[in-house]
PDB file of N, CA and C in Angstrom:
ATOM      1  N   MET A   1       0.835  -0.944   0.295  1.00  0.00           N
ATOM      2  CA  MET A   1       0.361  -0.134   0.053  1.00  0.00           C
ATOM      3  C   MET A   1       1.059   1.438  -0.216  1.00  0.00           C
ATOM      4  N   ILE A   2       0.403   2.114  -0.756  1.00  0.00           N
ATOM      5  CA  ILE A   2       1.425   3.643  -1.053  1.00  0.00           C
ATOM      6  C   ILE A   2       0.822   4.353   0.395  1.00  0.00           C
ATOM      7  N   ASN A   3       2.316   4.962   0.703  1.00  0.00           N
ATOM      8  CA  ASN A   3       2.174   5.660   2.193  1.00  0.00           C
ATOM      9  C   ASN A   3       1.299   6.927   1.709  1.00  0.00           C
ATOM     10  N   ARG A   4       1.073   7.568   2.565  1.00  0.00           N
ATOM     11  CA  ARG A   4      -0.115   8.690   2.259  1.00  0.00           C
ATOM     12  C   ARG A   4       0.967   9.984   2.032  1.00  0.00           C
ATOM     13  N   LYS A   5       2.167   9.939   2.598  1.00  0.00           N
ATOM     14  CA  LYS A   5       3.106  10.964   2.563  1.00  0.00           C
ATOM     15  C   LYS A   5       3.061  11.315   1.002  1.00  0.00           C
ATOM     16  N   TRP A   6       3.447   9.831   0.510  1.00  0.00           N
ATOM     17  CA  TRP A   6       4.045   9.918  -1.181  1.00  0.00           C
ATOM     18  C   TRP A   6       3.073  10.256  -1.941  1.00  0.00           C
ATOM     19  N   ILE A   7       1.636  10.317  -1.514  1.00  0.00           N
ATOM     20  CA  ILE A   7       0.758  10.534  -2.236  1.00  0.00           C
ATOM     21  C   ILE A   7       0.599  12.216  -1.952  1.00  0.00           C
ATOM     22  N   ALA A   8       0.702  12.707  -1.117  1.00  0.00           N
ATOM     23  CA  ALA A   8       0.954  14.490  -0.654  1.00  0.00           C
ATOM     24  C   ALA A   8       1.820  14.737  -1.660  1.00  0.00           C
ATOM     25  N   LEU A   9       2.761  14.023  -1.458  1.00  0.00           N
ATOM     26  CA  LEU A   9       4.178  14.732  -2.068  1.00  0.00           C
ATOM     27  C   LEU A   9       3.643  14.654  -4.010  1.00  0.00           C
ATOM     28  N   LEU A  10       3.130  13.277  -4.304  1.00  0.00           N
ATOM     29  CA  LEU A  10       3.108  13.468  -5.743  1.00  0.00           C
ATOM     30  C   LEU A  10       2.027  14.245  -6.351  1.00  0.00           C
ATOM     31  N   LEU A  11       1.071  14.801  -5.406  1.00  0.00           N
ATOM     32  CA  LEU A  11      -0.099  15.537  -5.767  1.00  0.00           C
ATOM     33  C   LEU A  11       0.675  16.764  -5.573  1.00  0.00           C
ATOM     34  N   MET A  12       1.172  17.757  -4.972  1.00  0.00           N
ATOM     35  CA  MET A  12       1.841  18.625  -4.664  1.00  0.00           C
ATOM     36  C   MET A  12       2.767  19.171  -6.007  1.00  0.00           C
ATOM     37  N   THR A  13       3.332  18.131  -6.407  1.00  0.00           N
ATOM     38  CA  THR A  13       4.392  17.806  -7.700  1.00  0.00           C
ATOM     39  C   THR A  13       3.409  17.974  -8.719  1.00  0.00           C
ATOM     40  N   PHE A  14       2.429  17.904  -8.708  1.00  0.00           N
ATOM     41  CA  PHE A  14       1.706  17.647  -9.569  1.00  0.00           C
ATOM     42  C   PHE A  14       1.277  19.246 -10.156  1.00  0.00           C
ATOM     43  N   ALA A  15       0.562  19.201  -8.758  1.00  0.00           N
ATOM     44  CA  ALA A  15       0.159  20.756  -8.602  1.00  0.00           C
ATOM     45  C   ALA A  15       1.237  21.858  -9.234  1.00  0.00           C
ATOM     46  N   LEU A  16       2.043  21.905  -8.638  1.00  0.00           N
ATOM     47  CA  LEU A  16       3.471  22.912  -9.204  1.00  0.00           C
ATOM     48  C   LEU A  16       3.531  22.645 -10.562  1.00  0.00           C
ATOM     49  N   ALA A  17       3.894  21.535 -10.761  1.00  0.00           N
ATOM     50  CA  ALA A  17       4.464  21.165 -12.677  1.00  0.00           C
ATOM     51  C   ALA A  17       3.067  21.829 -13.696  1.00  0.00           C
ATOM     52  N   ILE A  18       1.946  21.857 -13.112  1.00  0.00           N
ATOM     53  CA  ILE A  18       0.598  22.305 -13.704  1.00  0.00           C
ATOM     54  C   ILE A  18       0.801  23.975 -13.692  1.00  0.00           C
ATOM     55  N   SER A  19       0.844  24.680 -12.028  1.00  0.00           N
ATOM     56  CA  SER A  19       1.312  25.834 -12.098  1.00  0.00           C
ATOM     57  C   SER A  19       2.041  26.841 -12.489  1.00  0.00           C
ATOM     58  N   SER A  20       3.224  25.931 -12.809  1.00  0.00           N
ATOM     59  CA  SER A  20       4.318  26.830 -13.339  1.00  0.00           C
ATOM     60  C   SER A  20       4.223  27.422 -14.667  1.00  0.00           C
ATOM     61  N   GLY A  21       3.167  26.588 -15.782  1.00  0.00           N
ATOM     62  CA  GLY A  21       2.898  27.415 -17.066  1.00  0.00           C
ATOM     63  C   GLY A  21       2.144  28.407 -16.969  1.00  0.00           C
ATOM     64  N   CYS A  22       1.365  28.975 -15.841  1.00  0.00           N
ATOM     65  CA  CYS A  22       0.719  30.207 -16.133  1.00  0.00           C
ATOM     66  C   CYS A  22       1.258  31.292 -15.050  1.00  0.00           C
ATOM     67  N   VAL A  23       2.263  31.725 -15.826  1.00  0.00           N
ATOM     68  CA  VAL A  23       3.327  32.624 -14.928  1.00  0.00           C
ATOM     69  C   VAL A  23       2.638  34.299 -15.527  1.00  0.00           C
ATOM     70  N   TYR A  24       2.194  34.854 -14.977  1.00  0.00           N
ATOM     71  CA  TYR A  24       1.712  36.582 -15.391  1.00  0.00           C
ATOM     72  C   TYR A  24       3.107  36.984 -15.920  1.00  0.00           C
ATOM     73  N   ARG A  25       2.736  37.511 -16.976  1.00  0.00           N
ATOM     74  CA  ARG A  25       3.684  38.247 -17.853  1.00  0.00           C
ATOM     75  C   ARG A  25       3.227  39.941 -17.947  1.00  0.00           C
ATOM     76  N   ALA A  26       4.085  41.058 -17.442  1.00  0.00           N
ATOM     77  CA  ALA A  26       3.707  42.341 -17.032  1.00  0.00           C
ATOM     78  C   ALA A  26       3.566  42.779 -18.349  1.00  0.00           C
ATOM     79  N   SER A  27       2.914  43.988 -18.783  1.00  0.00           N
ATOM     80  CA  SER A  27       3.200  44.808 -19.799  1.00  0.00           C
ATOM     81  C   SER A  27       4.992  45.683 -19.708  1.00  0.00           C
ATOM     82  N   ILE A  28       5.582  45.709 -20.667  1.00  0.00           N
ATOM     83  CA  ILE A  28       6.241  46.416 -20.733  1.00  0.00           C
ATOM     84  C   ILE A  28       6.787  47.797 -21.549  1.00  0.00           C
ATOM     85  N   SER A  29       6.960  48.945 -21.365  1.00  0.00           N
ATOM     86  CA  SER A  29       7.067  49.862 -21.506  1.00  0.00           C
ATOM     87  C   SER A  29       8.585  50.415 -21.712  1.00  0.00           C
ATOM     88  N   GLN A  30       9.066  50.279 -22.729  1.00  0.00           N
ATOM     89  CA  GLN A  30      10.317  51.109 -22.809  1.00  0.00           C
ATOM     90  C   GLN A  30      10.879  52.302 -23.953  1.00  0.00           C
ATOM     91  N   GLY A  31      11.494  52.963 -23.318  1.00  0.00           N
ATOM     92  CA  GLY A  31      12.000  54.689 -24.274  1.00  0.00           C
ATOM     93  C   GLY A  31      11.243  55.430 -24.171  1.00  0.00           C
ATOM     94  N   ASN A  32      10.985  56.132 -24.912  1.00  0.00           N
ATOM     95  CA  ASN A  32      10.521  57.768 -25.067  1.00  0.00           C
ATOM     96  C   ASN A  32       9.121  57.676 -25.579  1.00  0.00           C
ATOM     97  N   LEU A  33       7.819  57.969 -24.979  1.00  0.00           N
ATOM     98  CA  LEU A  33       6.712  57.840 -25.479  1.00  0.00           C
ATOM     99  C   LEU A  33       6.608  59.198 -26.340  1.00  0.00           C
ATOM    100  N   VAL A  34       6.659  59.387 -27.522  1.00  0.00           N
ATOM    101  CA  VAL A  34       6.645  60.187 -28.717  1.00  0.00           C
ATOM    102  C   VAL A  34       4.805  60.543 -28.990  1.00  0.00           C
ATOM    103  N   LYS A  35       4.582  61.796 -28.571  1.00  0.00           N
ATOM    104  CA  LYS A  35       2.859  61.859 -29.047  1.00  0.00           C
ATOM    105  C   LYS A  35       3.011  62.197 -30.650  1.00  0.00           C
ATOM    106  N   GLU A  36       2.445  62.111 -31.351  1.00  0.00           N
ATOM    107  CA  GLU A  36       1.823  61.949 -32.390  1.00  0.00           C
ATOM    108  C   GLU A  36       1.718  63.779 -32.578  1.00  0.00           C
ATOM    109  N   GLU A  37       0.985  64.394 -31.942  1.00  0.00           N
ATOM    110  CA  GLU A  37       1.010  66.021 -31.983  1.00  0.00           C
ATOM    111  C   GLU A  37       2.051  66.857 -31.423  1.00  0.00           C
ATOM    112  N   ASP A  38       3.123  66.123 -30.896  1.00  0.00           N
ATOM    113  CA  ASP A  38       4.443  66.327 -30.162  1.00  0.00           C
ATOM    114  C   ASP A  38       5.447  66.335 -31.539  1.00  0.00           C
ATOM    115  N   LEU A  39       5.458  65.354 -32.050  1.00  0.00           N
ATOM    116  CA  LEU A  39       6.101  64.990 -33.192  1.00  0.00           C
ATOM    117  C   LEU A  39       6.063  66.299 -34.327  1.00  0.00           C
ATOM    118  N   ALA A  40       4.827  66.051 -34.690  1.00  0.00           N
ATOM    119  CA  ALA A  40       4.063  67.106 -35.733  1.00  0.00           C
ATOM    120  C   ALA A  40       4.406  68.643 -35.782  1.00  0.00           C
ATOM    121  N   GLN A  41       4.984  68.967 -34.445  1.00  0.00           N
ATOM    122  CA  GLN A  41       5.773  70.066 -34.129  1.00  0.00           C
ATOM    123  C   GLN A  41       6.967  70.578 -34.191  1.00  0.00           C
ATOM    124  N   LEU A  42       7.469  69.283 -34.263  1.00  0.00           N
ATOM    125  CA  LEU A  42       9.020  69.301 -34.487  1.00  0.00           C
ATOM    126  C   LEU A  42       9.590  69.369 -35.794  1.00  0.00           C
ATOM    127  N   GLU A  43      10.128  70.504 -36.499  1.00  0.00           N
ATOM    128  CA  GLU A  43      10.490  70.851 -37.835  1.00  0.00           C
ATOM    129  C   GLU A  43      12.338  71.071 -37.715  1.00  0.00           C
ATOM    130  N   VAL A  44      12.558  70.939 -39.148  1.00  0.00           N
ATOM    131  CA  VAL A  44      14.006  71.475 -39.527  1.00  0.00           C
ATOM    132  C   VAL A  44      13.737  73.180 -39.321  1.00  0.00           C
ATOM    133  N   GLY A  45      15.353  73.152 -38.236  1.00  0.00           N
ATOM    134  CA  GLY A  45      15.866  74.441 -37.816  1.00  0.00           C
ATOM    135  C   GLY A  45      15.660  74.888 -36.968  1.00  0.00           C
ATOM    136  N   MET A  46      14.612  73.858 -35.573  1.00  0.00           N
ATOM    137  CA  MET A  46      14.678  73.983 -34.227  1.00  0.00           C
ATOM    138  C   MET A  46      16.743  74.058 -33.403  1.00  0.00           C
ATOM    139  N   THR A  47      16.796  74.483 -32.351  1.00  0.00           N
ATOM    140  CA  THR A  47      17.599  74.124 -31.929  1.00  0.00           C
ATOM    141  C   THR A  47      17.536  72.481 -30.805  1.00  0.00           C
ATOM    142  N   LYS A  48      18.574  72.017 -30.270  1.00  0.00           N
ATOM    143  CA  LYS A  48      18.734  70.895 -29.366  1.00  0.00           C
ATOM    144  C   LYS A  48      17.540  71.473 -28.309  1.00  0.00           C
ATOM    145  N   VAL A  49      17.684  72.639 -28.049  1.00  0.00           N
ATOM    146  CA  VAL A  49      17.030  73.124 -26.622  1.00  0.00           C
ATOM    147  C   VAL A  49      15.576  73.062 -27.073  1.00  0.00           C
ATOM    148  N   GLN A  50      14.983  73.022 -28.061  1.00  0.00           N
ATOM    149  CA  GLN A  50      13.394  73.173 -28.545  1.00  0.00           C
ATOM    150  C   GLN A  50      13.064  71.972 -28.351  1.00  0.00           C
ATOM    151  N   VAL A  51      14.375  71.012 -29.183  1.00  0.00           N
ATOM    152  CA  VAL A  51      13.662  69.820 -29.599  1.00  0.00           C
ATOM    153  C   VAL A  51      13.880  68.756 -27.868  1.00  0.00           C
ATOM    154  N   ARG A  52      14.646  69.104 -26.962  1.00  0.00           N
ATOM    155  CA  ARG A  52      14.418  68.354 -25.535  1.00  0.00           C
ATOM    156  C   ARG A  52      13.298  68.831 -25.017  1.00  0.00           C
ATOM    157  N   PHE A  53      13.217  70.468 -24.986  1.00  0.00           N
ATOM    158  CA  PHE A  53      11.958  70.717 -24.389  1.00  0.00           C
ATOM    159  C   PHE A  53      10.400  69.832 -25.039  1.00  0.00           C
ATOM    160  N   LEU A  54      10.255  69.796 -26.434  1.00  0.00           N
ATOM    161  CA  LEU A  54       9.500  69.117 -27.017  1.00  0.00           C
ATOM    162  C   LEU A  54       9.098  67.713 -27.010  1.00  0.00           C
ATOM    163  N   LEU A  55      10.054  66.942 -27.080  1.00  0.00           N
ATOM    164  CA  LEU A  55      10.317  65.490 -26.841  1.00  0.00           C
ATOM    165  C   LEU A  55      10.946  64.814 -25.868  1.00  0.00           C
ATOM    166  N   GLY A  56      11.917  65.464 -25.095  1.00  0.00           N
ATOM    167  CA  GLY A  56      12.156  65.085 -23.897  1.00  0.00           C
ATOM    168  C   GLY A  56      13.626  64.631 -24.264  1.00  0.00           C
ATOM    169  N   THR A  57      14.451  64.266 -23.031  1.00  0.00           N
ATOM    170  CA  THR A  57      15.764  63.803 -23.564  1.00  0.00           C
ATOM    171  C   THR A  57      15.777  62.193 -24.449  1.00  0.00           C
ATOM    172  N   PRO A  58      16.699  62.358 -25.282  1.00  0.00           N
ATOM    173  CA  PRO A  58      16.681  61.377 -26.260  1.00  0.00           C
ATOM    174  C   PRO A  58      17.180  59.992 -25.502  1.00  0.00           C
ATOM    175  N   MET A  59      16.172  58.711 -26.307  1.00  0.00           N
ATOM    176  CA  MET A  59      16.620  57.156 -25.382  1.00  0.00           C
ATOM    177  C   MET A  59      18.249  56.966 -25.630  1.00  0.00           C
ATOM    178  N   ILE A  60      18.628  57.600 -26.858  1.00  0.00           N
ATOM    179  CA  ILE A  60      19.900  56.642 -27.256  1.00  0.00           C
ATOM    180  C   ILE A  60      20.734  58.663 -27.479  1.00  0.00           C
ATOM    181  N   ASP A  61      21.910  58.028 -26.812  1.00  0.00           N
ATOM    182  CA  ASP A  61      22.687  59.776 -26.690  1.00  0.00           C
ATOM    183  C   ASP A  61      23.984  59.169 -27.511  1.00  0.00           C
ATOM    184  N   ASP A  62      24.198  58.965 -28.138  1.00  0.00           N
ATOM    185  CA  ASP A  62      25.521  58.283 -28.739  1.00  0.00           C
ATOM    186  C   ASP A  62      27.040  59.453 -28.502  1.00  0.00           C
ATOM    187  N   PRO A  63      27.644  59.022 -27.448  1.00  0.00           N
ATOM    188  CA  PRO A  63      28.796  60.193 -27.496  1.00  0.00           C
ATOM    189  C   PRO A  63      29.521  59.820 -28.466  1.00  0.00           C
ATOM    190  N   PHE A  64      29.603  59.229 -29.481  1.00  0.00           N
ATOM    191  CA  PHE A  64      30.288  59.414 -30.701  1.00  0.00           C
ATOM    192  C   PHE A  64      29.583  60.086 -31.997  1.00  0.00           C
ATOM    193  N   ASN A  65      28.879  60.405 -31.842  1.00  0.00           N
ATOM    194  CA  ASN A  65      27.570  61.319 -32.445  1.00  0.00           C
ATOM    195  C   ASN A  65      26.780  61.677 -31.799  1.00  0.00           C
ATOM    196  N   LYS A  66      27.352  63.428 -32.042  1.00  0.00           N
ATOM    197  CA  LYS A  66      26.884  63.942 -31.028  1.00  0.00           C
ATOM    198  C   LYS A  66      25.867  64.847 -31.885  1.00  0.00           C
ATOM    199  N   GLU A  67      25.655  64.863 -33.291  1.00  0.00           N
ATOM    200  CA  GLU A  67      25.020  64.928 -34.212  1.00  0.00           C
ATOM    201  C   GLU A  67      23.541  64.497 -34.897  1.00  0.00           C
ATOM    202  N   ARG A  68      23.306  63.446 -33.432  1.00  0.00           N
ATOM    203  CA  ARG A  68      22.018  62.717 -33.522  1.00  0.00           C
ATOM    204  C   ARG A  68      21.342  62.113 -32.431  1.00  0.00           C
ATOM    205  N   TRP A  69      20.138  61.787 -32.097  1.00  0.00           N
ATOM    206  CA  TRP A  69      19.681  62.136 -31.420  1.00  0.00           C
ATOM    207  C   TRP A  69      18.244  61.225 -31.647  1.00  0.00           C
ATOM    208  N   ASP A  70      18.181  60.016 -30.819  1.00  0.00           N
ATOM    209  CA  ASP A  70      17.325  58.677 -31.359  1.00  0.00           C
ATOM    210  C   ASP A  70      16.212  58.886 -30.227  1.00  0.00           C
ATOM    211  N   TYR A  71      15.220  58.870 -30.725  1.00  0.00           N
ATOM    212  CA  TYR A  71      13.480  58.147 -29.792  1.00  0.00           C
ATOM    213  C   TYR A  71      13.006  57.059 -29.976  1.00  0.00           C
ATOM    214  N   VAL A  72      13.131  56.033 -29.385  1.00  0.00           N
ATOM    215  CA  VAL A  72      12.837  54.800 -29.543  1.00  0.00           C
ATOM    216  C   VAL A  72      11.574  54.405 -28.624  1.00  0.00           C
ATOM    217  N   TYR A  73      10.606  53.737 -28.766  1.00  0.00           N
ATOM    218  CA  TYR A  73       9.548  53.619 -28.058  1.00  0.00           C
ATOM    219  C   TYR A  73       8.717  52.100 -28.359  1.00  0.00           C
ATOM    220  N   PHE A  74       8.395  51.249 -27.324  1.00  0.00           N
ATOM    221  CA  PHE A  74       7.633  50.136 -27.793  1.00  0.00           C
ATOM    222  C   PHE A  74       7.127  50.014 -26.612  1.00  0.00           C
ATOM    223  N   LEU A  75       5.632  49.400 -27.119  1.00  0.00           N
ATOM    224  CA  LEU A  75       4.993  48.852 -25.949  1.00  0.00           C
ATOM    225  C   LEU A  75       4.483  47.346 -25.964  1.00  0.00           C
ATOM    226  N   LYS A  76       5.142  46.599 -24.868  1.00  0.00           N
ATOM    227  CA  LYS A  76       4.261  44.956 -25.364  1.00  0.00           C
ATOM    228  C   LYS A  76       3.746  44.520 -23.801  1.00  0.00           C
ATOM    229  N   LEU A  77       2.640  43.891 -24.860  1.00  0.00           N
ATOM    230  CA  LEU A  77       1.486  43.619 -24.008  1.00  0.00           C
ATOM    231  C   LEU A  77       1.491  42.245 -23.286  1.00  0.00           C
ATOM    232  N   GLY A  78       2.125  41.707 -22.216  1.00  0.00           N
ATOM    233  CA  GLY A  78       2.082  40.131 -21.827  1.00  0.00           C
ATOM    234  C   GLY A  78       2.977  39.606 -22.495  1.00  0.00           C
ATOM    235  N   ARG A  79       2.458  38.503 -23.065  1.00  0.00           N
ATOM    236  CA  ARG A  79       3.955  37.490 -24.254  1.00  0.00           C
ATOM    237  C   ARG A  79       3.361  37.685 -25.408  1.00  0.00           C
ATOM    238  N   ASN A  80       2.719  38.739 -25.916  1.00  0.00           N
ATOM    239  CA  ASN A  80       2.290  39.481 -27.528  1.00  0.00           C
ATOM    240  C   ASN A  80       3.635  40.063 -28.231  1.00  0.00           C
ATOM    241  N   ASP A  81       4.083  40.418 -29.516  1.00  0.00           N
ATOM    242  CA  ASP A  81       4.613  40.747 -29.298  1.00  0.00           C
ATOM    243  C   ASP A  81       3.763  42.341 -29.456  1.00  0.00           C
ATOM    244  N   ALA A  82       5.131  43.274 -29.439  1.00  0.00           N
ATOM    245  CA  ALA A  82       5.017  45.147 -29.436  1.00  0.00           C
ATOM    246  C   ALA A  82       4.135  44.962 -29.987  1.00  0.00           C
ATOM    247  N   ALA A  83       2.917  45.576 -29.198  1.00  0.00           N
ATOM    248  CA  ALA A  83       1.571  46.250 -29.825  1.00  0.00           C
ATOM    249  C   ALA A  83       1.706  47.667 -30.319  1.00  0.00           C
ATOM    250  N   PHE A  84       2.608  48.615 -29.982  1.00  0.00           N
ATOM    251  CA  PHE A  84       3.007  50.317 -30.324  1.00  0.00           C
ATOM    252  C   PHE A  84       4.282  50.631 -30.357  1.00  0.00           C
ATOM    253  N   LYS A  85       5.108  50.148 -31.905  1.00  0.00           N
ATOM    254  CA  LYS A  85       6.421  50.774 -31.864  1.00  0.00           C
ATOM    255  C   LYS A  85       6.721  51.875 -32.659  1.00  0.00           C
ATOM    256  N   ARG A  86       7.569  53.066 -32.168  1.00  0.00           N
ATOM    257  CA  ARG A  86       8.190  54.293 -32.651  1.00  0.00           C
ATOM    258  C   ARG A  86       9.291  54.694 -32.567  1.00  0.00           C
ATOM    259  N   TRP A  87       9.933  54.760 -33.728  1.00  0.00           N
ATOM    260  CA  TRP A  87      11.347  55.200 -33.965  1.00  0.00           C
ATOM    261  C   TRP A  87      11.939  56.549 -34.390  1.00  0.00           C
ATOM    262  N   VAL A  88      12.373  57.459 -34.080  1.00  0.00           N
ATOM    263  CA  VAL A  88      12.292  58.915 -34.820  1.00  0.00           C
ATOM    264  C   VAL A  88      14.223  59.015 -34.348  1.00  0.00           C
ATOM    265  N   SER A  89      14.582  59.600 -35.320  1.00  0.00           N
ATOM    266  CA  SER A  89      15.964  60.028 -34.917  1.00  0.00           C
ATOM    267  C   SER A  89      16.019  61.538 -35.743  1.00  0.00           C
ATOM    268  N   VAL A  90      16.981  62.167 -34.855  1.00  0.00           N
ATOM    269  CA  VAL A  90      16.842  63.566 -35.768  1.00  0.00           C
ATOM    270  C   VAL A  90      18.491  64.378 -35.770  1.00  0.00           C
ATOM    271  N   PHE A  91      18.905  64.446 -36.733  1.00  0.00           N
ATOM    272  CA  PHE A  91      20.298  65.028 -36.810  1.00  0.00           C
ATOM    273  C   PHE A  91      20.362  66.845 -36.806  1.00  0.00           C
ATOM    274  N   PHE A  92      21.293  67.007 -36.242  1.00  0.00           N
ATOM    275  CA  PHE A  92      21.566  68.231 -36.268  1.00  0.00           C
ATOM    276  C   PHE A  92      23.169  68.733 -36.760  1.00  0.00           C
ATOM    277  N   GLU A  93      23.021  69.965 -37.543  1.00  0.00           N
ATOM    278  CA  GLU A  93      24.224  71.108 -37.398  1.00  0.00           C
ATOM    279  C   GLU A  93      24.556  71.713 -36.768  1.00  0.00           C
ATOM    280  N   ASP A  94      25.357  72.162 -36.381  1.00  0.00           N
ATOM    281  CA  ASP A  94      25.971  73.090 -35.663  1.00  0.00           C
ATOM    282  C   ASP A  94      24.346  73.525 -34.665  1.00  0.00           C
ATOM    283  N   ASP A  95      24.144  72.248 -34.077  1.00  0.00           N
ATOM    284  CA  ASP A  95      23.070  72.734 -32.631  1.00  0.00           C
ATOM    285  C   ASP A  95      21.652  73.088 -33.646  1.00  0.00           C
ATOM    286  N   ILE A  96      21.525  72.909 -34.733  1.00  0.00           N
ATOM    287  CA  ILE A  96      20.198  73.118 -35.471  1.00  0.00           C
ATOM    288  C   ILE A  96      19.911  71.615 -36.277  1.00  0.00           C
ATOM    289  N   VAL A  97      18.171  71.327 -35.657  1.00  0.00           N
ATOM    290  CA  VAL A  97      17.665  70.211 -36.934  1.00  0.00           C
ATOM    291  C   VAL A  97      18.223  70.499 -38.344  1.00  0.00           C
ATOM    292  N   SER A  98      18.899  69.487 -38.569  1.00  0.00           N
ATOM    293  CA  SER A  98      18.724  69.600 -40.061  1.00  0.00           C
ATOM    294  C   SER A  98      18.433  68.661 -41.014  1.00  0.00           C
ATOM    295  N   GLU A  99      17.562  67.390 -40.195  1.00  0.00           N
ATOM    296  CA  GLU A  99      16.767  66.359 -40.815  1.00  0.00           C
ATOM    297  C   GLU A  99      16.334  65.227 -39.893  1.00  0.00           C
ATOM    298  N   ILE A 100      14.619  65.274 -39.987  1.00  0.00           N
ATOM    299  CA  ILE A 100      14.166  64.267 -38.818  1.00  0.00           C
ATOM    300  C   ILE A 100      13.574  62.951 -39.933  1.00  0.00           C
ATOM    301  N   ARG A 101      13.913  61.553 -39.499  1.00  0.00           N
ATOM    302  CA  ARG A 101      13.631  60.536 -39.865  1.00  0.00           C
ATOM    303  C   ARG A 101      12.531  59.964 -39.076  1.00  0.00           C
ATOM    304  N   LYS A 102      11.190  60.198 -39.359  1.00  0.00           N
ATOM    305  CA  LYS A 102      10.015  59.652 -38.680  1.00  0.00           C
ATOM    306  C   LYS A 102       9.947  57.996 -39.146  1.00  0.00           C
ATOM    307  N   ASP A 103       9.470  57.159 -37.822  1.00  0.00           N
ATOM    308  CA  ASP A 103       8.890  55.570 -38.273  1.00  0.00           C
ATOM    309  C   ASP A 103       9.650  54.781 -38.976  1.00  0.00           C
ATOM    310  N   GLN A 104      10.951  54.703 -38.401  1.00  0.00           N
ATOM    311  CA  GLN A 104      11.629  53.333 -38.877  1.00  0.00           C
ATOM    312  C   GLN A 104      11.461  52.526 -38.076  1.00  0.00           C
ATOM    313  N   GLU A 105      11.571  50.958 -38.982  1.00  0.00           N
ATOM    314  CA  GLU A 105      11.337  50.053 -38.913  1.00  0.00           C
ATOM    315  C   GLU A 105      12.127  49.696 -37.589  1.00  0.00           C
ATOM    316  N   LEU A 106      11.660  48.700 -37.150  1.00  0.00           N
ATOM    317  CA  LEU A 106      12.539  48.159 -35.661  1.00  0.00           C
ATOM    318  C   LEU A 106      11.973  47.113 -35.826  1.00  0.00           C
ATOM    319  N   ASN A 107      12.914  46.431 -35.087  1.00  0.00           N
ATOM    320  CA  ASN A 107      12.609  44.634 -35.080  1.00  0.00           C
ATOM    321  C   ASN A 107      11.397  44.245 -35.035  1.00  0.00           C
ATOM    322  N   PRO A 108      10.982  43.673 -35.542  1.00  0.00           N
ATOM    323  CA  PRO A 108       9.852  42.811 -35.446  1.00  0.00           C
ATOM    324  C   PRO A 108       9.312  41.831 -34.574  1.00  0.00           C
ATOM    325  N   GLY A 109      10.604  41.541 -33.933  1.00  0.00           N
ATOM    326  CA  GLY A 109      10.258  39.870 -32.902  1.00  0.00           C
ATOM    327  C   GLY A 109      10.156  41.112 -31.779  1.00  0.00           C
ATOM    328  N   LEU A 110      10.298  42.679 -31.306  1.00  0.00           N
ATOM    329  CA  LEU A 110      10.196  43.116 -30.338  1.00  0.00           C
ATOM    330  C   LEU A 110       8.884  42.480 -29.163  1.00  0.00           C
TER     331      LEU A 110
END
């Protein structure tokens, strides 16, 4: 006859194995949330101070390329792929915006 302790141990192990697959995954928000209305106000000829006031501090501030700011944002809900992605690059010449690249492609696996 099987000991009651072994049955309890077997049931607890089975319950633990079943419950391990039901782990909650929190939503992840990474980067700078750049709103469409803020992005619409961004234009060539603005200063770095104006861009920082409008969009905030850039997500990527490359020490080797001070003339480029990248604003990257993605929102991942649970186990699903990113629900919202945006990547905007702002290029400067003499601290004045010279080029704006909007809606660049991010890795689809995010």
